[in-house]
């Protein structure tokens, strides 16, 4: 028969193992406690698998703004967060921690150029990639949109 002290020790080790396992299985790069409460509105169904976000386009106006737009089925008052990469390097001037609130199925946001550390224009010859995600499930409710500043080829 196992004594009481061994049972307590075994119970503690088992608890510790499962706690570490649950923490290591988290797919979020953004700690949930650092996100504003309004960013994590619950959904009516609770099924993350049914949620999606799409980027339909990006428009860059030199010395003005980067405008990006798309669609989602997330409930209103949820936030989308974004990241911008240049040749797979994240751009530090991009407002990565900014909440872009959703007010319907279609969304459109802009980030001004030439203010708050942003350059006045993006560099030609660089492959950019915009990432948009919902902080409630950043690994699965997200979209990426690669773009550059070269005009499309003429027909």
C-alpha atoms as a PDB file:
ATOM      1  CA  UNK A   1       0.000   0.000   0.000  1.00  0.00           C
ATOM      2  CA  UNK A   2       1.302   3.441  -0.972  1.00  0.00           C
ATOM      3  CA  UNK A   3       1.688   5.819   1.945  1.00  0.00           C
ATOM      4  CA  UNK A   4      -0.118   9.151   2.123  1.00  0.00           C
ATOM      5  CA  UNK A   5       3.009  11.248   1.473  1.00  0.00           C
ATOM      6  CA  UNK A   6       3.707   9.418  -1.812  1.00  0.00           C
ATOM      7  CA  UNK A   7       0.098   9.947  -2.907  1.00  0.00           C
ATOM      8  CA  UNK A   8       0.383  13.696  -2.312  1.00  0.00           C
ATOM      9  CA  UNK A   9       3.668  13.830  -4.195  1.00  0.00           C
ATOM     10  CA  UNK A  10       2.247  11.854  -7.116  1.00  0.00           C
ATOM     11  CA  UNK A  11      -0.850  14.067  -7.217  1.00  0.00           C
ATOM     12  CA  UNK A  12       1.327  17.219  -7.251  1.00  0.00           C
ATOM     13  CA  UNK A  13       3.548  15.900 -10.067  1.00  0.00           C
ATOM     14  CA  UNK A  14       0.484  14.927 -12.103  1.00  0.00           C
ATOM     15  CA  UNK A  15      -1.069  18.380 -11.586  1.00  0.00           C
ATOM     16  CA  UNK A  16       2.197  20.073 -12.564  1.00  0.00           C
ATOM     17  CA  UNK A  17       2.553  17.912 -15.686  1.00  0.00           C
ATOM     18  CA  UNK A  18      -0.959  18.674 -16.953  1.00  0.00           C
ATOM     19  CA  UNK A  19      -0.601  22.395 -16.164  1.00  0.00           C
ATOM     20  CA  UNK A  20       2.604  22.593 -18.183  1.00  0.00           C
ATOM     21  CA  UNK A  21       1.035  20.581 -20.983  1.00  0.00           C
ATOM     22  CA  UNK A  22      -1.920  22.965 -21.229  1.00  0.00           C
ATOM     23  CA  UNK A  23       0.317  26.036 -21.203  1.00  0.00           C
ATOM     24  CA  UNK A  24       2.605  24.613 -23.907  1.00  0.00           C
ATOM     25  CA  UNK A  25      -0.342  23.789 -26.177  1.00  0.00           C
ATOM     26  CA  UNK A  26      -1.407  27.420 -26.392  1.00  0.00           C
ATOM     27  CA  UNK A  27      -1.026  28.696 -29.991  1.00  0.00           C
ATOM     28  CA  UNK A  28      -1.285  32.384 -29.145  1.00  0.00           C
ATOM     29  CA  UNK A  29       1.783  34.578 -29.512  1.00  0.00           C
ATOM     30  CA  UNK A  30      -0.109  37.418 -27.847  1.00  0.00           C
ATOM     31  CA  UNK A  31      -0.808  36.989 -24.141  1.00  0.00           C
ATOM     32  CA  UNK A  32      -4.555  37.276 -23.597  1.00  0.00           C
ATOM     33  CA  UNK A  33      -4.146  39.269 -20.415  1.00  0.00           C
ATOM     34  CA  UNK A  34      -2.503  42.112 -22.380  1.00  0.00           C
ATOM     35  CA  UNK A  35      -5.422  42.494 -24.788  1.00  0.00           C
ATOM     36  CA  UNK A  36      -8.226  44.956 -24.096  1.00  0.00           C
ATOM     37  CA  UNK A  37     -11.486  43.396 -22.941  1.00  0.00           C
ATOM     38  CA  UNK A  38     -13.378  44.625 -26.032  1.00  0.00           C
ATOM     39  CA  UNK A  39     -10.996  42.700 -28.315  1.00  0.00           C
ATOM     40  CA  UNK A  40     -12.240  39.346 -27.037  1.00  0.00           C
ATOM     41  CA  UNK A  41     -16.001  39.497 -27.432  1.00  0.00           C
ATOM     42  CA  UNK A  42     -17.519  36.044 -27.333  1.00  0.00           C
ATOM     43  CA  UNK A  43     -19.372  34.660 -30.295  1.00  0.00           C
ATOM     44  CA  UNK A  44     -22.948  33.432 -30.219  1.00  0.00           C
ATOM     45  CA  UNK A  45     -22.018  29.884 -31.252  1.00  0.00           C
ATOM     46  CA  UNK A  46     -18.685  29.706 -29.473  1.00  0.00           C
ATOM     47  CA  UNK A  47     -17.214  27.714 -32.395  1.00  0.00           C
ATOM     48  CA  UNK A  48     -13.939  29.276 -33.513  1.00  0.00           C
ATOM     49  CA  UNK A  49     -13.900  26.919 -36.506  1.00  0.00           C
ATOM     50  CA  UNK A  50     -16.864  28.816 -37.983  1.00  0.00           C
ATOM     51  CA  UNK A  51     -15.164  32.219 -37.791  1.00  0.00           C
ATOM     52  CA  UNK A  52     -13.071  33.775 -40.556  1.00  0.00           C
ATOM     53  CA  UNK A  53     -11.455  36.971 -41.741  1.00  0.00           C
ATOM     54  CA  UNK A  54     -10.424  37.903 -45.314  1.00  0.00           C
ATOM     55  CA  UNK A  55      -8.237  40.647 -46.774  1.00  0.00           C
ATOM     56  CA  UNK A  56      -9.648  41.715 -50.146  1.00  0.00           C
ATOM     57  CA  UNK A  57      -7.052  44.355 -50.975  1.00  0.00           C
ATOM     58  CA  UNK A  58      -4.384  46.850 -49.976  1.00  0.00           C
ATOM     59  CA  UNK A  59      -3.952  50.345 -51.450  1.00  0.00           C
ATOM     60  CA  UNK A  60      -0.837  52.424 -50.829  1.00  0.00           C
ATOM     61  CA  UNK A  61      -0.981  56.193 -51.392  1.00  0.00           C
ATOM     62  CA  UNK A  62       2.473  57.777 -51.067  1.00  0.00           C
ATOM     63  CA  UNK A  63       2.739  60.331 -48.255  1.00  0.00           C
ATOM     64  CA  UNK A  64      -0.878  59.622 -47.298  1.00  0.00           C
ATOM     65  CA  UNK A  65      -1.868  56.175 -46.023  1.00  0.00           C
ATOM     66  CA  UNK A  66      -1.978  52.428 -46.408  1.00  0.00           C
ATOM     67  CA  UNK A  67      -5.614  51.382 -46.756  1.00  0.00           C
ATOM     68  CA  UNK A  68      -6.621  47.748 -46.335  1.00  0.00           C
ATOM     69  CA  UNK A  69     -10.051  46.215 -46.565  1.00  0.00           C
ATOM     70  CA  UNK A  70     -11.824  42.895 -46.372  1.00  0.00           C
ATOM     71  CA  UNK A  71     -14.617  40.878 -44.822  1.00  0.00           C
ATOM     72  CA  UNK A  72     -15.286  38.839 -41.697  1.00  0.00           C
ATOM     73  CA  UNK A  73     -18.093  37.018 -39.978  1.00  0.00           C
ATOM     74  CA  UNK A  74     -16.943  38.052 -36.499  1.00  0.00           C
ATOM     75  CA  UNK A  75     -19.626  39.785 -34.426  1.00  0.00           C
ATOM     76  CA  UNK A  76     -19.561  43.586 -34.325  1.00  0.00           C
ATOM     77  CA  UNK A  77     -17.465  45.286 -31.645  1.00  0.00           C
ATOM     78  CA  UNK A  78     -14.700  42.696 -31.946  1.00  0.00           C
ATOM     79  CA  UNK A  79     -11.230  43.925 -32.835  1.00  0.00           C
ATOM     80  CA  UNK A  80      -8.882  42.944 -35.607  1.00  0.00           C
ATOM     81  CA  UNK A  81      -5.160  43.312 -35.059  1.00  0.00           C
ATOM     82  CA  UNK A  82      -2.549  43.637 -37.787  1.00  0.00           C
ATOM     83  CA  UNK A  83       1.140  43.228 -38.551  1.00  0.00           C
ATOM     84  CA  UNK A  84       3.075  44.406 -41.592  1.00  0.00           C
ATOM     85  CA  UNK A  85       6.174  42.626 -42.847  1.00  0.00           C
ATOM     86  CA  UNK A  86       8.795  43.763 -45.370  1.00  0.00           C
ATOM     87  CA  UNK A  87      10.711  40.820 -46.870  1.00  0.00           C
ATOM     88  CA  UNK A  88       9.570  38.679 -43.887  1.00  0.00           C
ATOM     89  CA  UNK A  89      10.827  41.216 -41.303  1.00  0.00           C
ATOM     90  CA  UNK A  90       8.154  42.782 -39.100  1.00  0.00           C
ATOM     91  CA  UNK A  91       8.065  46.570 -39.398  1.00  0.00           C
ATOM     92  CA  UNK A  92       8.492  48.228 -36.003  1.00  0.00           C
ATOM     93  CA  UNK A  93       6.651  51.429 -36.964  1.00  0.00           C
ATOM     94  CA  UNK A  94       3.431  49.566 -37.826  1.00  0.00           C
ATOM     95  CA  UNK A  95       0.723  49.900 -35.090  1.00  0.00           C
ATOM     96  CA  UNK A  96       0.716  46.163 -34.298  1.00  0.00           C
ATOM     97  CA  UNK A  97      -1.052  46.595 -30.942  1.00  0.00           C
ATOM     98  CA  UNK A  98      -3.863  48.753 -32.292  1.00  0.00           C
ATOM     99  CA  UNK A  99      -7.451  47.513 -32.136  1.00  0.00           C
ATOM    100  CA  UNK A 100      -9.337  47.984 -35.406  1.00  0.00           C
ATOM    101  CA  UNK A 101     -13.011  47.603 -34.333  1.00  0.00           C
ATOM    102  CA  UNK A 102     -15.374  45.699 -36.614  1.00  0.00           C
ATOM    103  CA  UNK A 103     -18.693  47.370 -37.388  1.00  0.00           C
ATOM    104  CA  UNK A 104     -20.090  44.946 -39.960  1.00  0.00           C
ATOM    105  CA  UNK A 105     -19.255  42.153 -42.368  1.00  0.00           C
ATOM    106  CA  UNK A 106     -17.106  44.442 -44.542  1.00  0.00           C
ATOM    107  CA  UNK A 107     -14.272  46.371 -42.953  1.00  0.00           C
ATOM    108  CA  UNK A 108     -11.874  49.073 -44.141  1.00  0.00           C
ATOM    109  CA  UNK A 109      -9.014  50.561 -42.138  1.00  0.00           C
ATOM    110  CA  UNK A 110      -6.064  52.810 -42.810  1.00  0.00           C
ATOM    111  CA  UNK A 111      -2.687  53.577 -41.291  1.00  0.00           C
ATOM    112  CA  UNK A 112      -1.326  57.042 -42.106  1.00  0.00           C
ATOM    113  CA  UNK A 113       2.147  57.427 -43.621  1.00  0.00           C
ATOM    114  CA  UNK A 114       4.610  60.101 -42.528  1.00  0.00           C
ATOM    115  CA  UNK A 115       3.383  60.294 -38.913  1.00  0.00           C
ATOM    116  CA  UNK A 116       4.178  58.512 -35.633  1.00  0.00           C
ATOM    117  CA  UNK A 117       7.396  56.980 -36.979  1.00  0.00           C
ATOM    118  CA  UNK A 118       5.874  55.687 -40.222  1.00  0.00           C
ATOM    119  CA  UNK A 119       7.816  56.467 -43.405  1.00  0.00           C
ATOM    120  CA  UNK A 120       6.259  58.779 -45.986  1.00  0.00           C
ATOM    121  CA  UNK A 121       6.359  56.003 -48.568  1.00  0.00           C
ATOM    122  CA  UNK A 122       7.017  52.294 -48.850  1.00  0.00           C
ATOM    123  CA  UNK A 123      10.066  51.062 -50.732  1.00  0.00           C
ATOM    124  CA  UNK A 124       9.690  49.633 -54.245  1.00  0.00           C
ATOM    125  CA  UNK A 125      11.272  46.231 -54.829  1.00  0.00           C
ATOM    126  CA  UNK A 126      10.269  44.985 -51.375  1.00  0.00           C
ATOM    127  CA  UNK A 127       7.787  42.158 -50.871  1.00  0.00           C
ATOM    128  CA  UNK A 128       5.295  43.291 -48.208  1.00  0.00           C
ATOM    129  CA  UNK A 129       2.863  41.066 -46.335  1.00  0.00           C
ATOM    130  CA  UNK A 130      -0.086  42.288 -44.292  1.00  0.00           C
ATOM    131  CA  UNK A 131      -1.367  39.969 -41.579  1.00  0.00           C
ATOM    132  CA  UNK A 132      -4.817  40.521 -40.011  1.00  0.00           C
ATOM    133  CA  UNK A 133      -6.028  38.396 -37.099  1.00  0.00           C
ATOM    134  CA  UNK A 134      -8.628  38.134 -34.376  1.00  0.00           C
ATOM    135  CA  UNK A 135      -6.937  37.968 -30.935  1.00  0.00           C
ATOM    136  CA  UNK A 136      -9.501  35.429 -29.694  1.00  0.00           C
ATOM    137  CA  UNK A 137      -7.934  32.810 -32.007  1.00  0.00           C
ATOM    138  CA  UNK A 138      -4.916  34.419 -33.727  1.00  0.00           C
ATOM    139  CA  UNK A 139      -3.657  31.150 -35.177  1.00  0.00           C
ATOM    140  CA  UNK A 140      -6.882  30.198 -36.928  1.00  0.00           C
ATOM    141  CA  UNK A 141      -8.952  33.360 -37.494  1.00  0.00           C
ATOM    142  CA  UNK A 142      -6.409  35.233 -39.590  1.00  0.00           C
ATOM    143  CA  UNK A 143      -5.524  36.206 -43.140  1.00  0.00           C
ATOM    144  CA  UNK A 144      -2.402  37.334 -44.954  1.00  0.00           C
ATOM    145  CA  UNK A 145      -2.072  39.455 -48.074  1.00  0.00           C
ATOM    146  CA  UNK A 146       1.240  39.768 -49.952  1.00  0.00           C
ATOM    147  CA  UNK A 147       1.779  42.907 -52.043  1.00  0.00           C
ATOM    148  CA  UNK A 148       4.455  45.070 -53.617  1.00  0.00           C
ATOM    149  CA  UNK A 149       4.537  48.509 -55.211  1.00  0.00           C
ATOM    150  CA  UNK A 150       4.992  47.388 -58.803  1.00  0.00           C
ATOM    151  CA  UNK A 151       1.957  47.984 -61.022  1.00  0.00           C
ATOM    152  CA  UNK A 152       0.325  44.899 -62.547  1.00  0.00           C
ATOM    153  CA  UNK A 153       1.645  43.933 -66.004  1.00  0.00           C
ATOM    154  CA  UNK A 154      -0.193  45.453 -68.919  1.00  0.00           C
ATOM    155  CA  UNK A 155      -2.157  43.044 -71.154  1.00  0.00           C
END
